[in-house]
Amino acid sequence: MEAAESIKVAIADDHKIFRDGIKMALGGKEYLKIIWEAEDGKELIHKMKIKLPDVLLMDIRMPEIDGINAISILRKEYEAVRIIVLTMYDDQEMISKMMEMGANAYLTKTTDPEEIYNAILTCINDDFYFNDLLNKAVMMKLQQKKHTKQFFPNPATFNEKELSILRLLSQDKTTEEISKEVYLSPRTVETIRQNMKAKVGAKTIAGLVMYGMRNKLIN
């Protein structure tokens, strides 16, 4: 996304005080525009059909339709929307579940507003935001799966260029940084990245990196 464009952000949370706090914290941020808010999962699904955001900040526990069911519905219809889970739950099983279902980032409600802002920008530019919570969940998942043959059901092979990009993704490099190191345009890097995800059946960069770690393609 070009820097001059406004990133359209939506908030889905059943606590008005929290929604107001997020709006206040992010309202003055450059390039961000809060376009709507929803107080439950049913309203969230309805408003997504009316006006699509670039980034959705979504709680897990909501009336009508909870975050788990909501993300399942949303990922079938709106693949391009970045979904950032913003919740009180820091359980590693829940983190893994939400990421596997297609979330782009997972933050707790105690997260500093600056980190939320950074997560939004990172998800827009690089599809995925890593933090300590997610790293711990990834490692736990890998430990649970260490006795299985592979993490994803689809076997895949990568060429040297793809392996180079995979290693750089595991180092949390941005698309721009990767493009400079592999001497390809950012658009080409993004295309290769999407093709790699399709090869292994991963919905997110985290899934792709986990595949690489599990199959010892990267450290």
N, C-alpha and C. Protein backbone atom coordinates (compact mmCIF):
# COMPACT_ATOMS: atom_id res chain seq x y z
N MET A 1 0.84 -1.19 0.00
CA MET A 1 0.00 0.00 0.00
C MET A 1 0.87 1.24 0.00
N GLU A 2 0.53 2.25 -0.79
CA GLU A 2 1.30 3.48 -0.84
C GLU A 2 1.15 4.26 0.46
N ALA A 3 2.21 4.95 0.84
CA ALA A 3 2.20 5.66 2.12
C ALA A 3 1.15 6.74 2.18
N ALA A 4 0.81 7.32 1.01
CA ALA A 4 -0.14 8.43 0.99
C ALA A 4 -1.58 7.97 1.22
N GLU A 5 -1.83 6.70 1.07
CA GLU A 5 -3.18 6.18 1.25
C GLU A 5 -3.50 6.02 2.73
N SER A 6 -4.79 6.15 3.06
CA SER A 6 -5.24 5.89 4.43
C SER A 6 -5.53 4.41 4.59
N ILE A 7 -5.05 3.84 5.68
CA ILE A 7 -5.36 2.46 6.00
C ILE A 7 -6.69 2.44 6.73
N LYS A 8 -7.68 1.78 6.16
CA LYS A 8 -9.01 1.73 6.75
C LYS A 8 -9.04 0.65 7.83
N VAL A 9 -9.39 1.06 9.05
CA VAL A 9 -9.38 0.16 10.20
C VAL A 9 -10.78 0.04 10.79
N ALA A 10 -11.17 -1.19 11.13
CA ALA A 10 -12.44 -1.44 11.81
C ALA A 10 -12.15 -2.12 13.15
N ILE A 11 -13.05 -1.92 14.11
CA ILE A 11 -12.88 -2.47 15.46
C ILE A 11 -14.11 -3.28 15.84
N ALA A 12 -13.91 -4.52 16.27
CA ALA A 12 -15.02 -5.36 16.72
C ALA A 12 -14.73 -5.82 18.15
N ASP A 13 -15.50 -5.28 19.08
CA ASP A 13 -15.32 -5.60 20.51
C ASP A 13 -16.61 -5.25 21.23
N ASP A 14 -17.00 -6.07 22.20
CA ASP A 14 -18.28 -5.83 22.86
C ASP A 14 -18.19 -4.83 24.01
N HIS A 15 -17.00 -4.29 24.27
CA HIS A 15 -16.85 -3.29 25.33
C HIS A 15 -16.64 -1.90 24.72
N LYS A 16 -17.62 -1.03 24.90
CA LYS A 16 -17.55 0.31 24.32
C LYS A 16 -16.36 1.10 24.84
N ILE A 17 -16.07 0.96 26.13
CA ILE A 17 -14.95 1.69 26.71
C ILE A 17 -13.65 1.32 26.02
N PHE A 18 -13.50 0.04 25.73
CA PHE A 18 -12.27 -0.40 25.06
C PHE A 18 -12.24 0.14 23.62
N ARG A 19 -13.38 0.07 22.92
CA ARG A 19 -13.42 0.59 21.55
C ARG A 19 -13.08 2.07 21.53
N ASP A 20 -13.63 2.80 22.49
CA ASP A 20 -13.36 4.24 22.56
C ASP A 20 -11.87 4.49 22.83
N GLY A 21 -11.27 3.66 23.67
CA GLY A 21 -9.86 3.81 23.98
C GLY A 21 -8.98 3.57 22.76
N ILE A 22 -9.33 2.54 21.99
CA ILE A 22 -8.58 2.25 20.77
C ILE A 22 -8.74 3.38 19.76
N LYS A 23 -9.95 3.88 19.62
CA LYS A 23 -10.19 4.98 18.68
C LYS A 23 -9.39 6.21 19.08
N MET A 24 -9.33 6.47 20.37
CA MET A 24 -8.58 7.63 20.85
C MET A 24 -7.08 7.44 20.61
N ALA A 25 -6.60 6.22 20.88
CA ALA A 25 -5.17 5.94 20.74
C ALA A 25 -4.71 5.97 19.29
N LEU A 26 -5.58 5.50 18.39
CA LEU A 26 -5.19 5.38 16.98
C LEU A 26 -5.72 6.52 16.11
N GLY A 27 -6.64 7.28 16.63
CA GLY A 27 -7.30 8.31 15.84
C GLY A 27 -6.37 9.35 15.26
N GLY A 28 -5.31 9.67 15.98
CA GLY A 28 -4.40 10.70 15.50
C GLY A 28 -3.20 10.16 14.75
N LYS A 29 -3.15 8.84 14.52
CA LYS A 29 -2.01 8.23 13.84
C LYS A 29 -2.05 8.52 12.34
N GLU A 30 -0.87 8.78 11.83
CA GLU A 30 -0.75 9.07 10.41
C GLU A 30 -1.11 7.85 9.57
N TYR A 31 -1.85 8.08 8.51
CA TYR A 31 -2.24 7.06 7.53
C TYR A 31 -3.35 6.12 8.01
N LEU A 32 -3.88 6.31 9.23
CA LEU A 32 -4.96 5.45 9.71
C LEU A 32 -6.29 6.18 9.69
N LYS A 33 -7.35 5.43 9.38
CA LYS A 33 -8.70 5.98 9.43
C LYS A 33 -9.65 4.91 9.98
N ILE A 34 -10.25 5.18 11.13
CA ILE A 34 -11.24 4.26 11.71
C ILE A 34 -12.55 4.44 10.95
N ILE A 35 -13.00 3.39 10.27
CA ILE A 35 -14.19 3.55 9.42
C ILE A 35 -15.47 3.05 10.08
N TRP A 36 -15.38 2.10 10.99
CA TRP A 36 -16.57 1.68 11.73
C TRP A 36 -16.17 0.80 12.92
N GLU A 37 -17.17 0.55 13.77
CA GLU A 37 -16.97 -0.35 14.91
C GLU A 37 -18.18 -1.25 15.06
N ALA A 38 -17.98 -2.41 15.66
CA ALA A 38 -19.07 -3.37 15.88
C ALA A 38 -19.00 -3.87 17.31
N GLU A 39 -20.16 -4.07 17.93
CA GLU A 39 -20.19 -4.50 19.33
C GLU A 39 -20.43 -5.99 19.50
N ASP A 40 -20.67 -6.70 18.41
CA ASP A 40 -20.80 -8.16 18.48
C ASP A 40 -20.48 -8.76 17.12
N GLY A 41 -20.35 -10.08 17.08
CA GLY A 41 -19.96 -10.76 15.85
C GLY A 41 -20.96 -10.63 14.72
N LYS A 42 -22.24 -10.59 15.06
CA LYS A 42 -23.27 -10.47 14.03
C LYS A 42 -23.18 -9.11 13.34
N GLU A 43 -23.00 -8.06 14.13
CA GLU A 43 -22.85 -6.73 13.56
C GLU A 43 -21.57 -6.64 12.74
N LEU A 44 -20.52 -7.30 13.19
CA LEU A 44 -19.26 -7.34 12.47
C LEU A 44 -19.45 -7.91 11.06
N ILE A 45 -20.07 -9.07 10.96
CA ILE A 45 -20.29 -9.71 9.67
C ILE A 45 -21.13 -8.82 8.76
N HIS A 46 -22.15 -8.17 9.34
CA HIS A 46 -23.03 -7.28 8.57
C HIS A 46 -22.26 -6.08 8.01
N LYS A 47 -21.46 -5.46 8.85
CA LYS A 47 -20.74 -4.26 8.41
C LYS A 47 -19.62 -4.58 7.43
N MET A 48 -19.05 -5.76 7.51
CA MET A 48 -18.03 -6.16 6.54
C MET A 48 -18.62 -6.19 5.13
N LYS A 49 -19.89 -6.53 5.02
CA LYS A 49 -20.53 -6.58 3.71
C LYS A 49 -20.81 -5.19 3.15
N ILE A 50 -20.91 -4.20 4.05
CA ILE A 50 -21.22 -2.84 3.62
C ILE A 50 -19.97 -2.06 3.26
N LYS A 51 -18.96 -2.11 4.12
CA LYS A 51 -17.72 -1.37 3.88
C LYS A 51 -16.54 -2.18 4.39
N LEU A 52 -15.67 -2.56 3.47
CA LEU A 52 -14.57 -3.45 3.80
C LEU A 52 -13.36 -2.67 4.31
N PRO A 53 -12.83 -3.04 5.49
CA PRO A 53 -11.61 -2.38 6.00
C PRO A 53 -10.36 -3.05 5.43
N ASP A 54 -9.24 -2.38 5.58
CA ASP A 54 -7.95 -3.01 5.25
C ASP A 54 -7.49 -3.88 6.42
N VAL A 55 -7.79 -3.39 7.64
CA VAL A 55 -7.39 -4.10 8.86
C VAL A 55 -8.57 -4.17 9.82
N LEU A 56 -8.79 -5.34 10.37
CA LEU A 56 -9.84 -5.54 11.38
C LEU A 56 -9.20 -5.88 12.71
N LEU A 57 -9.47 -5.08 13.74
CA LEU A 57 -9.06 -5.39 15.11
C LEU A 57 -10.23 -6.12 15.77
N MET A 58 -10.04 -7.36 16.17
CA MET A 58 -11.17 -8.18 16.59
C MET A 58 -10.89 -8.91 17.89
N ASP A 59 -11.85 -8.86 18.80
CA ASP A 59 -11.77 -9.62 20.04
C ASP A 59 -12.21 -11.06 19.76
N ILE A 60 -11.87 -11.98 20.67
CA ILE A 60 -12.32 -13.36 20.54
C ILE A 60 -13.68 -13.55 21.19
N ARG A 61 -13.84 -13.01 22.39
CA ARG A 61 -15.10 -13.18 23.11
C ARG A 61 -16.06 -12.06 22.76
N MET A 62 -17.09 -12.40 21.97
CA MET A 62 -18.12 -11.44 21.57
C MET A 62 -19.48 -12.13 21.56
N PRO A 63 -20.56 -11.37 21.83
CA PRO A 63 -21.90 -11.95 21.75
C PRO A 63 -22.28 -12.31 20.32
N GLU A 64 -23.34 -13.06 20.18
CA GLU A 64 -23.92 -13.45 18.89
C GLU A 64 -23.01 -14.42 18.13
N ILE A 65 -21.91 -13.92 17.62
CA ILE A 65 -20.91 -14.74 16.93
C ILE A 65 -19.55 -14.42 17.54
N ASP A 66 -18.89 -15.42 18.12
CA ASP A 66 -17.60 -15.12 18.76
C ASP A 66 -16.49 -15.00 17.72
N GLY A 67 -15.30 -14.62 18.18
CA GLY A 67 -14.20 -14.38 17.27
C GLY A 67 -13.75 -15.61 16.50
N ILE A 68 -13.85 -16.79 17.12
CA ILE A 68 -13.43 -18.02 16.46
C ILE A 68 -14.33 -18.31 15.27
N ASN A 69 -15.64 -18.22 15.46
CA ASN A 69 -16.56 -18.45 14.36
C ASN A 69 -16.51 -17.32 13.34
N ALA A 70 -16.30 -16.09 13.83
CA ALA A 70 -16.24 -14.94 12.94
C ALA A 70 -15.07 -15.05 11.98
N ILE A 71 -13.89 -15.41 12.48
CA ILE A 71 -12.73 -15.49 11.59
C ILE A 71 -12.89 -16.62 10.57
N SER A 72 -13.58 -17.68 10.96
CA SER A 72 -13.85 -18.76 10.02
C SER A 72 -14.73 -18.27 8.87
N ILE A 73 -15.73 -17.46 9.21
CA ILE A 73 -16.63 -16.90 8.19
C ILE A 73 -15.89 -15.89 7.32
N LEU A 74 -15.13 -15.01 7.96
CA LEU A 74 -14.45 -13.93 7.25
C LEU A 74 -13.39 -14.45 6.29
N ARG A 75 -12.66 -15.46 6.68
CA ARG A 75 -11.58 -15.94 5.82
C ARG A 75 -12.10 -16.62 4.54
N LYS A 76 -13.34 -17.04 4.56
CA LYS A 76 -13.93 -17.60 3.34
C LYS A 76 -14.32 -16.52 2.35
N GLU A 77 -14.59 -15.32 2.86
CA GLU A 77 -15.10 -14.25 2.01
C GLU A 77 -14.08 -13.14 1.74
N TYR A 78 -13.24 -12.85 2.72
CA TYR A 78 -12.39 -11.66 2.63
C TYR A 78 -10.93 -12.02 2.92
N GLU A 79 -10.30 -12.69 1.98
CA GLU A 79 -8.94 -13.17 2.19
C GLU A 79 -7.94 -12.03 2.35
N ALA A 80 -8.19 -10.90 1.68
CA ALA A 80 -7.21 -9.81 1.68
C ALA A 80 -7.22 -8.97 2.96
N VAL A 81 -8.29 -9.04 3.74
CA VAL A 81 -8.38 -8.23 4.96
C VAL A 81 -7.42 -8.77 6.01
N ARG A 82 -6.60 -7.88 6.56
CA ARG A 82 -5.70 -8.28 7.64
C ARG A 82 -6.50 -8.33 8.94
N ILE A 83 -6.44 -9.44 9.62
CA ILE A 83 -7.18 -9.61 10.87
C ILE A 83 -6.19 -9.66 12.04
N ILE A 84 -6.31 -8.69 12.93
CA ILE A 84 -5.47 -8.65 14.13
C ILE A 84 -6.34 -8.98 15.34
N VAL A 85 -6.05 -10.09 15.97
CA VAL A 85 -6.78 -10.47 17.18
C VAL A 85 -6.28 -9.61 18.32
N LEU A 86 -7.20 -8.96 19.01
CA LEU A 86 -6.86 -8.07 20.13
C LEU A 86 -7.75 -8.46 21.29
N THR A 87 -7.20 -9.21 22.25
CA THR A 87 -8.03 -9.87 23.24
C THR A 87 -7.32 -9.96 24.59
N MET A 88 -8.04 -10.45 25.60
CA MET A 88 -7.45 -10.66 26.92
C MET A 88 -6.77 -12.02 27.01
N TYR A 89 -7.10 -12.94 26.10
CA TYR A 89 -6.56 -14.29 26.18
C TYR A 89 -5.12 -14.35 25.69
N ASP A 90 -4.22 -14.91 26.51
CA ASP A 90 -2.84 -15.10 26.08
C ASP A 90 -2.46 -16.57 26.10
N ASP A 91 -3.48 -17.44 26.04
CA ASP A 91 -3.27 -18.88 26.03
C ASP A 91 -2.62 -19.31 24.71
N GLN A 92 -1.56 -20.10 24.78
CA GLN A 92 -0.82 -20.46 23.57
C GLN A 92 -1.63 -21.33 22.62
N GLU A 93 -2.49 -22.17 23.17
CA GLU A 93 -3.36 -22.98 22.31
C GLU A 93 -4.31 -22.10 21.51
N MET A 94 -4.85 -21.08 22.18
CA MET A 94 -5.76 -20.16 21.50
C MET A 94 -5.02 -19.36 20.44
N ILE A 95 -3.80 -18.93 20.76
CA ILE A 95 -3.00 -18.17 19.80
C ILE A 95 -2.76 -19.02 18.55
N SER A 96 -2.34 -20.27 18.74
CA SER A 96 -2.08 -21.15 17.61
C SER A 96 -3.34 -21.38 16.79
N LYS A 97 -4.46 -21.57 17.48
CA LYS A 97 -5.73 -21.82 16.79
C LYS A 97 -6.12 -20.64 15.92
N MET A 98 -6.03 -19.43 16.47
CA MET A 98 -6.44 -18.24 15.71
C MET A 98 -5.51 -17.98 14.53
N MET A 99 -4.21 -18.22 14.71
CA MET A 99 -3.27 -18.01 13.62
C MET A 99 -3.48 -19.04 12.51
N GLU A 100 -3.74 -20.28 12.89
CA GLU A 100 -3.99 -21.31 11.89
C GLU A 100 -5.28 -21.04 11.12
N MET A 101 -6.23 -20.36 11.76
CA MET A 101 -7.49 -20.04 11.10
C MET A 101 -7.38 -18.82 10.18
N GLY A 102 -6.23 -18.13 10.25
CA GLY A 102 -6.02 -17.05 9.30
C GLY A 102 -5.79 -15.67 9.86
N ALA A 103 -5.58 -15.55 11.18
CA ALA A 103 -5.26 -14.23 11.73
C ALA A 103 -3.87 -13.80 11.27
N ASN A 104 -3.66 -12.51 11.16
CA ASN A 104 -2.37 -11.97 10.72
C ASN A 104 -1.50 -11.53 11.90
N ALA A 105 -2.11 -11.34 13.06
CA ALA A 105 -1.37 -10.96 14.26
C ALA A 105 -2.23 -11.27 15.47
N TYR A 106 -1.57 -11.41 16.62
CA TYR A 106 -2.28 -11.72 17.86
C TYR A 106 -1.69 -10.84 18.96
N LEU A 107 -2.52 -9.98 19.54
CA LEU A 107 -2.09 -9.06 20.59
C LEU A 107 -3.04 -9.15 21.77
N THR A 108 -2.54 -8.85 22.96
CA THR A 108 -3.42 -8.77 24.12
C THR A 108 -3.87 -7.32 24.31
N LYS A 109 -4.90 -7.15 25.10
CA LYS A 109 -5.44 -5.80 25.32
C LYS A 109 -4.54 -4.93 26.19
N THR A 110 -3.51 -5.51 26.76
CA THR A 110 -2.54 -4.72 27.52
C THR A 110 -1.43 -4.19 26.61
N THR A 111 -1.49 -4.51 25.33
CA THR A 111 -0.46 -4.06 24.39
C THR A 111 -0.43 -2.54 24.28
N ASP A 112 0.75 -1.98 24.24
CA ASP A 112 0.91 -0.54 24.08
C ASP A 112 0.35 -0.09 22.73
N PRO A 113 -0.35 1.06 22.70
CA PRO A 113 -0.92 1.55 21.43
C PRO A 113 0.09 1.68 20.31
N GLU A 114 1.35 2.00 20.64
CA GLU A 114 2.38 2.12 19.60
C GLU A 114 2.65 0.77 18.95
N GLU A 115 2.58 -0.30 19.75
CA GLU A 115 2.80 -1.63 19.16
C GLU A 115 1.60 -2.04 18.30
N ILE A 116 0.40 -1.67 18.73
CA ILE A 116 -0.78 -1.95 17.91
C ILE A 116 -0.65 -1.24 16.56
N TYR A 117 -0.23 0.02 16.61
CA TYR A 117 -0.02 0.80 15.39
C TYR A 117 1.04 0.14 14.51
N ASN A 118 2.14 -0.29 15.12
CA ASN A 118 3.20 -0.96 14.37
C ASN A 118 2.72 -2.27 13.77
N ALA A 119 1.89 -3.02 14.52
CA ALA A 119 1.35 -4.28 14.01
C ALA A 119 0.47 -4.03 12.79
N ILE A 120 -0.32 -2.98 12.83
CA ILE A 120 -1.19 -2.64 11.69
C ILE A 120 -0.34 -2.36 10.45
N LEU A 121 0.67 -1.51 10.60
CA LEU A 121 1.53 -1.16 9.46
C LEU A 121 2.28 -2.39 8.94
N THR A 122 2.76 -3.22 9.86
CA THR A 122 3.50 -4.41 9.45
C THR A 122 2.62 -5.40 8.71
N CYS A 123 1.41 -5.60 9.19
CA CYS A 123 0.48 -6.52 8.51
C CYS A 123 0.13 -6.02 7.12
N ILE A 124 -0.03 -4.71 6.98
CA ILE A 124 -0.34 -4.15 5.67
C ILE A 124 0.82 -4.36 4.71
N ASN A 125 2.03 -4.12 5.17
CA ASN A 125 3.20 -4.19 4.29
C ASN A 125 3.76 -5.60 4.11
N ASP A 126 3.66 -6.41 5.16
CA ASP A 126 4.32 -7.72 5.12
C ASP A 126 3.42 -8.88 5.52
N ASP A 127 2.13 -8.64 5.58
CA ASP A 127 1.14 -9.69 5.76
C ASP A 127 1.02 -10.23 7.18
N PHE A 128 2.10 -10.11 7.96
CA PHE A 128 2.10 -10.80 9.24
C PHE A 128 2.95 -10.05 10.26
N TYR A 129 2.54 -10.10 11.53
CA TYR A 129 3.29 -9.43 12.60
C TYR A 129 3.70 -10.45 13.66
N PHE A 130 5.00 -10.61 13.86
CA PHE A 130 5.52 -11.51 14.88
C PHE A 130 5.74 -10.76 16.19
N ASN A 131 5.44 -11.40 17.31
CA ASN A 131 5.79 -10.87 18.62
C ASN A 131 6.12 -12.04 19.54
N ASP A 132 6.46 -11.77 20.79
CA ASP A 132 6.87 -12.82 21.70
C ASP A 132 5.76 -13.85 21.94
N LEU A 133 4.52 -13.38 22.03
CA LEU A 133 3.40 -14.29 22.22
C LEU A 133 3.34 -15.33 21.12
N LEU A 134 3.44 -14.85 19.88
CA LEU A 134 3.34 -15.75 18.74
C LEU A 134 4.55 -16.67 18.64
N ASN A 135 5.73 -16.14 18.89
CA ASN A 135 6.93 -16.97 18.83
C ASN A 135 6.84 -18.15 19.80
N LYS A 136 6.34 -17.89 21.01
CA LYS A 136 6.20 -18.96 22.00
C LYS A 136 5.17 -19.99 21.55
N ALA A 137 4.08 -19.51 20.95
CA ALA A 137 3.04 -20.41 20.48
C ALA A 137 3.54 -21.27 19.33
N VAL A 138 4.34 -20.67 18.44
CA VAL A 138 4.91 -21.41 17.32
C VAL A 138 5.82 -22.53 17.84
N MET A 139 6.68 -22.21 18.78
CA MET A 139 7.60 -23.20 19.32
C MET A 139 6.85 -24.32 20.04
N MET A 140 5.79 -23.97 20.76
CA MET A 140 5.00 -24.98 21.44
C MET A 140 4.36 -25.92 20.43
N LYS A 141 3.84 -25.33 19.34
CA LYS A 141 3.19 -26.13 18.31
C LYS A 141 4.18 -27.07 17.64
N LEU A 142 5.38 -26.58 17.40
CA LEU A 142 6.41 -27.42 16.80
C LEU A 142 6.79 -28.57 17.72
N GLN A 143 6.85 -28.30 19.03
CA GLN A 143 7.17 -29.36 19.99
C GLN A 143 6.07 -30.43 19.99
N GLN A 144 4.83 -30.00 19.87
CA GLN A 144 3.71 -30.94 19.87
C GLN A 144 3.73 -31.81 18.62
N LYS A 145 4.24 -31.22 17.52
CA LYS A 145 4.21 -31.91 16.23
C LYS A 145 5.51 -32.65 15.91
N LYS A 146 6.47 -32.66 16.82
CA LYS A 146 7.80 -33.17 16.47
C LYS A 146 7.81 -34.66 16.16
N HIS A 147 6.79 -35.39 16.59
CA HIS A 147 6.75 -36.82 16.31
C HIS A 147 5.92 -37.15 15.07
N THR A 148 5.37 -36.14 14.42
CA THR A 148 4.61 -36.36 13.19
C THR A 148 5.53 -36.18 12.00
N LYS A 149 5.13 -36.69 10.84
CA LYS A 149 5.99 -36.63 9.66
C LYS A 149 6.18 -35.21 9.16
N GLN A 150 5.11 -34.42 9.09
CA GLN A 150 5.25 -33.04 8.66
C GLN A 150 4.08 -32.23 9.18
N PHE A 151 4.27 -30.93 9.23
CA PHE A 151 3.29 -30.04 9.85
C PHE A 151 2.07 -29.85 8.97
N PHE A 152 2.27 -29.70 7.66
CA PHE A 152 1.17 -29.52 6.72
C PHE A 152 1.03 -30.77 5.86
N PRO A 153 -0.19 -31.10 5.42
CA PRO A 153 -0.41 -32.33 4.67
C PRO A 153 0.17 -32.28 3.26
N ASN A 154 0.43 -31.12 2.69
CA ASN A 154 0.89 -31.02 1.31
C ASN A 154 2.42 -31.00 1.24
N PRO A 155 3.05 -32.05 0.67
CA PRO A 155 4.50 -32.03 0.52
C PRO A 155 4.90 -30.95 -0.47
N ALA A 156 6.08 -30.37 -0.29
CA ALA A 156 6.50 -29.30 -1.18
C ALA A 156 8.01 -29.28 -1.29
N THR A 157 8.50 -28.83 -2.43
CA THR A 157 9.93 -28.61 -2.63
C THR A 157 10.11 -27.17 -3.08
N PHE A 158 11.21 -26.56 -2.64
CA PHE A 158 11.50 -25.17 -2.99
C PHE A 158 12.82 -25.08 -3.74
N ASN A 159 12.88 -24.16 -4.71
CA ASN A 159 14.15 -23.91 -5.38
C ASN A 159 15.02 -23.00 -4.51
N GLU A 160 16.23 -22.72 -4.98
CA GLU A 160 17.17 -21.93 -4.18
C GLU A 160 16.65 -20.53 -3.87
N LYS A 161 16.01 -19.92 -4.85
CA LYS A 161 15.48 -18.57 -4.65
C LYS A 161 14.37 -18.58 -3.60
N GLU A 162 13.50 -19.57 -3.67
CA GLU A 162 12.43 -19.70 -2.69
C GLU A 162 12.98 -19.96 -1.29
N LEU A 163 14.00 -20.80 -1.20
CA LEU A 163 14.61 -21.08 0.10
C LEU A 163 15.25 -19.83 0.69
N SER A 164 15.86 -19.02 -0.17
CA SER A 164 16.47 -17.78 0.30
C SER A 164 15.40 -16.85 0.88
N ILE A 165 14.28 -16.75 0.18
CA ILE A 165 13.18 -15.89 0.65
C ILE A 165 12.59 -16.44 1.94
N LEU A 166 12.46 -17.77 2.03
CA LEU A 166 11.92 -18.39 3.24
C LEU A 166 12.82 -18.09 4.44
N ARG A 167 14.13 -18.20 4.26
CA ARG A 167 15.05 -17.91 5.36
C ARG A 167 14.95 -16.46 5.80
N LEU A 168 14.83 -15.56 4.83
CA LEU A 168 14.73 -14.14 5.17
C LEU A 168 13.40 -13.83 5.86
N LEU A 169 12.33 -14.51 5.45
CA LEU A 169 11.04 -14.35 6.13
C LEU A 169 11.15 -14.78 7.59
N SER A 170 11.88 -15.86 7.84
CA SER A 170 12.03 -16.36 9.21
C SER A 170 12.83 -15.40 10.07
N GLN A 171 13.60 -14.50 9.41
CA GLN A 171 14.37 -13.49 10.13
C GLN A 171 13.58 -12.19 10.29
N ASP A 172 12.28 -12.24 9.94
CA ASP A 172 11.38 -11.09 10.08
C ASP A 172 11.78 -9.93 9.17
N LYS A 173 12.33 -10.26 8.00
CA LYS A 173 12.69 -9.23 7.02
C LYS A 173 11.43 -8.73 6.31
N THR A 174 11.43 -7.44 5.97
CA THR A 174 10.31 -6.89 5.23
C THR A 174 10.45 -7.24 3.75
N THR A 175 9.36 -7.04 3.01
CA THR A 175 9.40 -7.30 1.57
C THR A 175 10.48 -6.48 0.89
N GLU A 176 10.59 -5.21 1.28
CA GLU A 176 11.60 -4.34 0.69
C GLU A 176 13.01 -4.85 0.99
N GLU A 177 13.25 -5.28 2.21
CA GLU A 177 14.57 -5.79 2.59
C GLU A 177 14.90 -7.07 1.84
N ILE A 178 13.91 -7.95 1.71
CA ILE A 178 14.12 -9.21 0.99
C ILE A 178 14.42 -8.94 -0.48
N SER A 179 13.68 -8.02 -1.08
CA SER A 179 13.86 -7.72 -2.51
C SER A 179 15.29 -7.26 -2.80
N LYS A 180 15.87 -6.49 -1.89
CA LYS A 180 17.24 -6.01 -2.07
C LYS A 180 18.25 -7.14 -1.94
N GLU A 181 17.98 -8.09 -1.04
CA GLU A 181 18.94 -9.17 -0.80
C GLU A 181 18.90 -10.24 -1.88
N VAL A 182 17.73 -10.45 -2.50
CA VAL A 182 17.63 -11.50 -3.53
C VAL A 182 17.59 -10.91 -4.94
N TYR A 183 17.72 -9.59 -5.03
CA TYR A 183 17.77 -8.89 -6.32
C TYR A 183 16.52 -9.13 -7.17
N LEU A 184 15.38 -9.00 -6.52
CA LEU A 184 14.10 -9.09 -7.21
C LEU A 184 13.25 -7.90 -6.80
N SER A 185 12.24 -7.57 -7.60
CA SER A 185 11.35 -6.49 -7.24
C SER A 185 10.45 -6.91 -6.08
N PRO A 186 9.95 -5.95 -5.27
CA PRO A 186 9.04 -6.30 -4.19
C PRO A 186 7.82 -7.07 -4.68
N ARG A 187 7.29 -6.70 -5.83
CA ARG A 187 6.11 -7.40 -6.37
C ARG A 187 6.44 -8.87 -6.67
N THR A 188 7.63 -9.11 -7.21
CA THR A 188 8.04 -10.49 -7.50
C THR A 188 8.21 -11.29 -6.22
N VAL A 189 8.79 -10.65 -5.19
CA VAL A 189 8.94 -11.31 -3.89
C VAL A 189 7.58 -11.69 -3.33
N GLU A 190 6.62 -10.79 -3.42
CA GLU A 190 5.27 -11.08 -2.92
C GLU A 190 4.64 -12.24 -3.68
N THR A 191 4.84 -12.27 -5.00
CA THR A 191 4.29 -13.37 -5.81
C THR A 191 4.90 -14.70 -5.42
N ILE A 192 6.21 -14.73 -5.25
CA ILE A 192 6.88 -15.96 -4.84
C ILE A 192 6.40 -16.40 -3.46
N ARG A 193 6.24 -15.43 -2.58
CA ARG A 193 5.77 -15.73 -1.23
C ARG A 193 4.38 -16.36 -1.26
N GLN A 194 3.49 -15.81 -2.06
CA GLN A 194 2.14 -16.37 -2.18
C GLN A 194 2.17 -17.77 -2.77
N ASN A 195 3.03 -17.98 -3.76
CA ASN A 195 3.15 -19.31 -4.37
C ASN A 195 3.67 -20.33 -3.37
N MET A 196 4.61 -19.92 -2.53
CA MET A 196 5.14 -20.82 -1.52
C MET A 196 4.06 -21.20 -0.51
N LYS A 197 3.25 -20.23 -0.10
CA LYS A 197 2.15 -20.51 0.82
C LYS A 197 1.19 -21.52 0.20
N ALA A 198 0.90 -21.33 -1.08
CA ALA A 198 -0.01 -22.24 -1.77
C ALA A 198 0.56 -23.65 -1.85
N LYS A 199 1.87 -23.76 -2.04
CA LYS A 199 2.52 -25.07 -2.14
C LYS A 199 2.31 -25.91 -0.89
N VAL A 200 2.39 -25.28 0.28
CA VAL A 200 2.33 -26.02 1.54
C VAL A 200 0.96 -25.97 2.19
N GLY A 201 0.05 -25.20 1.61
CA GLY A 201 -1.29 -25.09 2.18
C GLY A 201 -1.36 -24.18 3.37
N ALA A 202 -0.40 -23.23 3.48
CA ALA A 202 -0.38 -22.29 4.61
C ALA A 202 -1.21 -21.07 4.29
N LYS A 203 -1.94 -20.57 5.27
CA LYS A 203 -2.75 -19.37 5.08
C LYS A 203 -1.98 -18.10 5.42
N THR A 204 -0.96 -18.23 6.24
CA THR A 204 -0.23 -17.05 6.69
C THR A 204 1.28 -17.28 6.57
N ILE A 205 2.05 -16.19 6.73
CA ILE A 205 3.50 -16.30 6.74
C ILE A 205 3.96 -17.17 7.91
N ALA A 206 3.26 -17.07 9.03
CA ALA A 206 3.61 -17.91 10.19
C ALA A 206 3.52 -19.38 9.83
N GLY A 207 2.48 -19.75 9.12
CA GLY A 207 2.33 -21.14 8.70
C GLY A 207 3.45 -21.57 7.78
N LEU A 208 3.83 -20.68 6.88
CA LEU A 208 4.92 -20.98 5.95
C LEU A 208 6.25 -21.15 6.70
N VAL A 209 6.50 -20.25 7.66
CA VAL A 209 7.74 -20.35 8.44
C VAL A 209 7.73 -21.61 9.29
N MET A 210 6.59 -21.96 9.88
CA MET A 210 6.50 -23.17 10.68
C MET A 210 6.77 -24.41 9.83
N TYR A 211 6.27 -24.39 8.59
CA TYR A 211 6.54 -25.50 7.67
C TYR A 211 8.05 -25.63 7.46
N GLY A 212 8.70 -24.50 7.21
CA GLY A 212 10.13 -24.52 6.98
C GLY A 212 10.91 -25.02 8.17
N MET A 213 10.49 -24.61 9.38
CA MET A 213 11.16 -25.05 10.60
C MET A 213 10.94 -26.54 10.84
N ARG A 214 9.68 -26.96 10.66
CA ARG A 214 9.35 -28.35 10.93
C ARG A 214 10.09 -29.30 9.98
N ASN A 215 10.28 -28.90 8.74
CA ASN A 215 10.94 -29.73 7.74
C ASN A 215 12.43 -29.42 7.60
N LYS A 216 12.96 -28.66 8.59
CA LYS A 216 14.39 -28.37 8.69
C LYS A 216 14.95 -27.66 7.47
N LEU A 217 14.10 -26.84 6.84
CA LEU A 217 14.57 -26.01 5.74
C LEU A 217 15.23 -24.74 6.25
N ILE A 218 14.83 -24.33 7.48
CA ILE A 218 15.39 -23.15 8.13
C ILE A 218 15.57 -23.46 9.60
N ASN A 219 16.38 -22.65 10.26
CA ASN A 219 16.60 -22.83 11.70
C ASN A 219 15.59 -22.02 12.48
